[in-house]
Amino acid sequence: MFPIYGSVSVLGPVFKMLRKLPALLKGTVYALCIFTGEYLTGSLLSRLDLCPWNYERSRWNIGKVVRLDYFPNWFLAGLLFERLLSPDRKAV
């Protein structure tokens, strides 16, 4: 699981490209990127019977590996990741 979540660090160039856009648009793009990563890794792991999550009980699932009702969580997480991982972030 940690390598999957750690892969968010590859979004650094995306953070830089979107830096001047409104937070609503940036958060949406980040959530969609996270959904894409979750879907791809979840689908691959499911084929190998190694997927540690299964969302089949949720009516908002896509392929049992993504839950659309998690959108607000991933939206906020994306904005947090941008703040923490942005290449041009100022030191505090």
N, C-alpha and C. Protein backbone atom coordinates (compact mmCIF):
# COMPACT_ATOMS: atom_id res chain seq x y z
N MET A 1 0.82 -1.19 0.00
CA MET A 1 0.00 0.00 0.00
C MET A 1 0.86 1.25 0.00
N PHE A 2 1.96 1.26 0.76
CA PHE A 2 2.77 2.47 0.84
C PHE A 2 3.35 2.88 -0.51
N PRO A 3 3.81 1.93 -1.34
CA PRO A 3 4.29 2.35 -2.67
C PRO A 3 3.18 2.99 -3.51
N ILE A 4 1.96 2.51 -3.36
CA ILE A 4 0.85 3.08 -4.12
C ILE A 4 0.60 4.51 -3.66
N TYR A 5 0.50 4.72 -2.37
CA TYR A 5 0.26 6.07 -1.86
C TYR A 5 1.48 6.97 -2.08
N GLY A 6 2.65 6.40 -2.01
CA GLY A 6 3.87 7.17 -2.24
C GLY A 6 4.03 7.65 -3.66
N SER A 7 3.34 6.98 -4.58
CA SER A 7 3.44 7.38 -5.99
C SER A 7 2.84 8.76 -6.25
N VAL A 8 2.16 9.33 -5.26
CA VAL A 8 1.63 10.69 -5.42
C VAL A 8 2.76 11.68 -5.63
N SER A 9 3.96 11.32 -5.23
CA SER A 9 5.10 12.23 -5.40
C SER A 9 5.40 12.51 -6.87
N VAL A 10 4.94 11.66 -7.78
CA VAL A 10 5.15 11.91 -9.21
C VAL A 10 4.25 13.04 -9.72
N LEU A 11 3.35 13.52 -8.88
CA LEU A 11 2.48 14.62 -9.28
C LEU A 11 3.18 15.98 -9.19
N GLY A 12 4.42 16.01 -8.78
CA GLY A 12 5.16 17.27 -8.67
C GLY A 12 5.04 18.15 -9.90
N PRO A 13 5.29 17.62 -11.11
CA PRO A 13 5.15 18.45 -12.31
C PRO A 13 3.71 18.94 -12.52
N VAL A 14 2.74 18.13 -12.12
CA VAL A 14 1.34 18.54 -12.25
C VAL A 14 1.08 19.71 -11.31
N PHE A 15 1.61 19.65 -10.10
CA PHE A 15 1.45 20.75 -9.15
C PHE A 15 1.96 22.05 -9.76
N LYS A 16 3.12 21.96 -10.40
CA LYS A 16 3.74 23.15 -10.99
C LYS A 16 2.90 23.70 -12.14
N MET A 17 2.38 22.82 -12.98
CA MET A 17 1.57 23.26 -14.13
C MET A 17 0.27 23.93 -13.69
N LEU A 18 -0.31 23.45 -12.60
CA LEU A 18 -1.63 23.93 -12.19
C LEU A 18 -1.58 25.01 -11.12
N ARG A 19 -0.41 25.44 -10.73
CA ARG A 19 -0.26 26.31 -9.57
C ARG A 19 -1.08 27.59 -9.63
N LYS A 20 -1.33 28.15 -10.79
CA LYS A 20 -2.05 29.42 -10.89
C LYS A 20 -3.56 29.25 -11.05
N LEU A 21 -4.03 28.03 -11.13
CA LEU A 21 -5.46 27.79 -11.30
C LEU A 21 -6.19 27.88 -9.96
N PRO A 22 -7.50 28.10 -10.01
CA PRO A 22 -8.29 28.14 -8.76
C PRO A 22 -8.25 26.78 -8.04
N ALA A 23 -8.36 26.84 -6.72
CA ALA A 23 -8.28 25.62 -5.91
C ALA A 23 -9.35 24.60 -6.29
N LEU A 24 -10.53 25.06 -6.67
CA LEU A 24 -11.61 24.14 -7.06
C LEU A 24 -11.21 23.29 -8.26
N LEU A 25 -10.60 23.92 -9.24
CA LEU A 25 -10.17 23.20 -10.43
C LEU A 25 -8.98 22.29 -10.12
N LYS A 26 -8.01 22.81 -9.37
CA LYS A 26 -6.84 22.00 -9.01
C LYS A 26 -7.25 20.77 -8.21
N GLY A 27 -8.09 20.96 -7.21
CA GLY A 27 -8.53 19.84 -6.38
C GLY A 27 -9.24 18.77 -7.20
N THR A 28 -10.03 19.21 -8.18
CA THR A 28 -10.73 18.27 -9.06
C THR A 28 -9.73 17.47 -9.89
N VAL A 29 -8.76 18.14 -10.46
CA VAL A 29 -7.74 17.45 -11.27
C VAL A 29 -6.97 16.46 -10.40
N TYR A 30 -6.59 16.88 -9.21
CA TYR A 30 -5.86 15.98 -8.31
C TYR A 30 -6.69 14.76 -7.95
N ALA A 31 -7.97 14.96 -7.64
CA ALA A 31 -8.84 13.84 -7.29
C ALA A 31 -8.96 12.88 -8.47
N LEU A 32 -9.07 13.40 -9.68
CA LEU A 32 -9.16 12.54 -10.86
C LEU A 32 -7.86 11.76 -11.09
N CYS A 33 -6.73 12.41 -10.84
CA CYS A 33 -5.44 11.71 -10.95
C CYS A 33 -5.35 10.58 -9.92
N ILE A 34 -5.78 10.86 -8.71
CA ILE A 34 -5.74 9.84 -7.65
C ILE A 34 -6.69 8.70 -7.98
N PHE A 35 -7.90 9.03 -8.47
CA PHE A 35 -8.84 7.98 -8.90
C PHE A 35 -8.23 7.12 -9.99
N THR A 36 -7.56 7.74 -10.93
CA THR A 36 -6.94 6.98 -12.03
C THR A 36 -5.88 6.03 -11.49
N GLY A 37 -5.02 6.53 -10.62
CA GLY A 37 -4.00 5.68 -10.02
C GLY A 37 -4.60 4.56 -9.20
N GLU A 38 -5.64 4.89 -8.44
CA GLU A 38 -6.30 3.87 -7.61
C GLU A 38 -6.95 2.80 -8.49
N TYR A 39 -7.57 3.25 -9.58
CA TYR A 39 -8.23 2.29 -10.47
C TYR A 39 -7.20 1.37 -11.14
N LEU A 40 -6.13 1.96 -11.66
CA LEU A 40 -5.13 1.15 -12.35
C LEU A 40 -4.44 0.16 -11.42
N THR A 41 -4.01 0.63 -10.26
CA THR A 41 -3.34 -0.28 -9.34
C THR A 41 -4.32 -1.30 -8.76
N GLY A 42 -5.53 -0.85 -8.43
CA GLY A 42 -6.53 -1.77 -7.90
C GLY A 42 -6.91 -2.85 -8.89
N SER A 43 -7.05 -2.47 -10.17
CA SER A 43 -7.39 -3.44 -11.20
C SER A 43 -6.27 -4.47 -11.39
N LEU A 44 -5.04 -3.98 -11.41
CA LEU A 44 -3.90 -4.89 -11.55
C LEU A 44 -3.81 -5.84 -10.36
N LEU A 45 -3.91 -5.29 -9.16
CA LEU A 45 -3.82 -6.13 -7.97
C LEU A 45 -4.99 -7.11 -7.88
N SER A 46 -6.16 -6.70 -8.34
CA SER A 46 -7.32 -7.60 -8.32
C SER A 46 -7.10 -8.79 -9.25
N ARG A 47 -6.51 -8.53 -10.39
CA ARG A 47 -6.23 -9.63 -11.33
C ARG A 47 -5.26 -10.65 -10.72
N LEU A 48 -4.39 -10.15 -9.85
CA LEU A 48 -3.41 -11.03 -9.19
C LEU A 48 -3.92 -11.55 -7.85
N ASP A 49 -5.18 -11.25 -7.52
CA ASP A 49 -5.78 -11.60 -6.23
C ASP A 49 -4.96 -11.06 -5.05
N LEU A 50 -4.45 -9.85 -5.20
CA LEU A 50 -3.65 -9.23 -4.15
C LEU A 50 -4.20 -7.88 -3.69
N CYS A 51 -5.35 -7.49 -4.19
CA CYS A 51 -5.89 -6.17 -3.87
C CYS A 51 -6.37 -6.13 -2.42
N PRO A 52 -5.83 -5.21 -1.61
CA PRO A 52 -6.22 -5.16 -0.20
C PRO A 52 -7.54 -4.43 0.05
N TRP A 53 -8.14 -3.83 -0.97
CA TRP A 53 -9.42 -3.16 -0.78
C TRP A 53 -10.44 -3.67 -1.79
N ASN A 54 -11.68 -3.65 -1.39
CA ASN A 54 -12.78 -4.10 -2.24
C ASN A 54 -14.01 -3.27 -1.88
N TYR A 55 -14.46 -2.49 -2.83
CA TYR A 55 -15.58 -1.57 -2.59
C TYR A 55 -16.89 -2.07 -3.19
N GLU A 56 -17.02 -3.35 -3.39
CA GLU A 56 -18.22 -3.88 -4.05
C GLU A 56 -19.50 -3.59 -3.26
N ARG A 57 -19.43 -3.37 -1.97
CA ARG A 57 -20.64 -3.09 -1.18
C ARG A 57 -21.13 -1.66 -1.34
N SER A 58 -20.29 -0.80 -1.86
CA SER A 58 -20.69 0.59 -2.07
C SER A 58 -21.41 0.73 -3.41
N ARG A 59 -22.50 1.44 -3.42
CA ARG A 59 -23.21 1.63 -4.70
C ARG A 59 -22.48 2.63 -5.60
N TRP A 60 -21.47 3.30 -5.07
CA TRP A 60 -20.71 4.29 -5.82
C TRP A 60 -19.38 3.73 -6.34
N ASN A 61 -19.26 2.39 -6.38
CA ASN A 61 -17.99 1.80 -6.80
C ASN A 61 -17.86 1.74 -8.32
N ILE A 62 -16.62 1.78 -8.75
CA ILE A 62 -16.28 1.53 -10.16
C ILE A 62 -15.31 0.37 -10.15
N GLY A 63 -15.73 -0.74 -10.73
CA GLY A 63 -14.87 -1.92 -10.80
C GLY A 63 -14.45 -2.48 -9.47
N LYS A 64 -15.17 -2.17 -8.42
CA LYS A 64 -14.89 -2.64 -7.06
C LYS A 64 -13.61 -2.06 -6.46
N VAL A 65 -12.91 -1.18 -7.19
CA VAL A 65 -11.63 -0.68 -6.71
C VAL A 65 -11.59 0.84 -6.50
N VAL A 66 -12.65 1.53 -6.89
CA VAL A 66 -12.73 2.99 -6.71
C VAL A 66 -14.10 3.32 -6.16
N ARG A 67 -14.15 4.24 -5.21
CA ARG A 67 -15.43 4.73 -4.67
C ARG A 67 -15.56 6.21 -4.99
N LEU A 68 -16.57 6.54 -5.79
CA LEU A 68 -16.78 7.93 -6.18
C LEU A 68 -17.17 8.82 -5.01
N ASP A 69 -17.75 8.25 -3.97
CA ASP A 69 -18.11 9.06 -2.81
C ASP A 69 -16.88 9.48 -2.00
N TYR A 70 -15.70 8.99 -2.36
CA TYR A 70 -14.46 9.43 -1.74
C TYR A 70 -13.90 10.68 -2.41
N PHE A 71 -14.59 11.19 -3.41
CA PHE A 71 -14.10 12.36 -4.15
C PHE A 71 -13.71 13.51 -3.23
N PRO A 72 -14.55 13.92 -2.26
CA PRO A 72 -14.14 15.03 -1.39
C PRO A 72 -12.84 14.75 -0.63
N ASN A 73 -12.66 13.52 -0.21
CA ASN A 73 -11.42 13.15 0.50
C ASN A 73 -10.20 13.30 -0.39
N TRP A 74 -10.29 12.79 -1.62
CA TRP A 74 -9.16 12.87 -2.54
C TRP A 74 -8.94 14.30 -3.02
N PHE A 75 -10.02 15.08 -3.13
CA PHE A 75 -9.93 16.49 -3.49
C PHE A 75 -9.06 17.22 -2.46
N LEU A 76 -9.40 17.05 -1.19
CA LEU A 76 -8.65 17.71 -0.12
C LEU A 76 -7.25 17.14 0.02
N ALA A 77 -7.11 15.84 -0.14
CA ALA A 77 -5.79 15.22 -0.05
C ALA A 77 -4.87 15.76 -1.15
N GLY A 78 -5.42 15.93 -2.35
CA GLY A 78 -4.62 16.47 -3.45
C GLY A 78 -4.12 17.87 -3.15
N LEU A 79 -4.98 18.71 -2.58
CA LEU A 79 -4.55 20.06 -2.21
C LEU A 79 -3.51 20.03 -1.09
N LEU A 80 -3.66 19.09 -0.17
CA LEU A 80 -2.67 18.94 0.90
C LEU A 80 -1.34 18.47 0.32
N PHE A 81 -1.38 17.48 -0.58
CA PHE A 81 -0.16 16.98 -1.20
C PHE A 81 0.54 18.11 -1.97
N GLU A 82 -0.26 18.94 -2.64
CA GLU A 82 0.33 20.07 -3.37
C GLU A 82 1.09 20.97 -2.40
N ARG A 83 0.48 21.23 -1.29
CA ARG A 83 1.11 22.11 -0.29
C ARG A 83 2.40 21.49 0.26
N LEU A 84 2.38 20.19 0.48
CA LEU A 84 3.54 19.51 1.06
C LEU A 84 4.63 19.18 0.04
N LEU A 85 4.25 18.88 -1.20
CA LEU A 85 5.21 18.36 -2.18
C LEU A 85 5.54 19.30 -3.31
N SER A 86 4.93 20.47 -3.35
CA SER A 86 5.14 21.40 -4.46
C SER A 86 6.62 21.77 -4.54
N PRO A 87 7.20 21.69 -5.74
CA PRO A 87 8.63 21.96 -5.88
C PRO A 87 9.02 23.40 -5.54
N ASP A 88 8.09 24.35 -5.68
CA ASP A 88 8.43 25.75 -5.41
C ASP A 88 7.91 26.22 -4.07
N ARG A 89 7.61 25.29 -3.18
CA ARG A 89 7.10 25.59 -1.85
C ARG A 89 8.17 26.31 -1.03
N LYS A 90 7.75 27.32 -0.32
CA LYS A 90 8.68 28.08 0.52
C LYS A 90 8.88 27.35 1.85
N ALA A 91 10.08 27.37 2.35
CA ALA A 91 10.38 26.75 3.64
C ALA A 91 9.70 27.55 4.75
N VAL A 92 9.19 26.85 5.75
CA VAL A 92 8.50 27.51 6.86
C VAL A 92 9.46 27.77 7.99
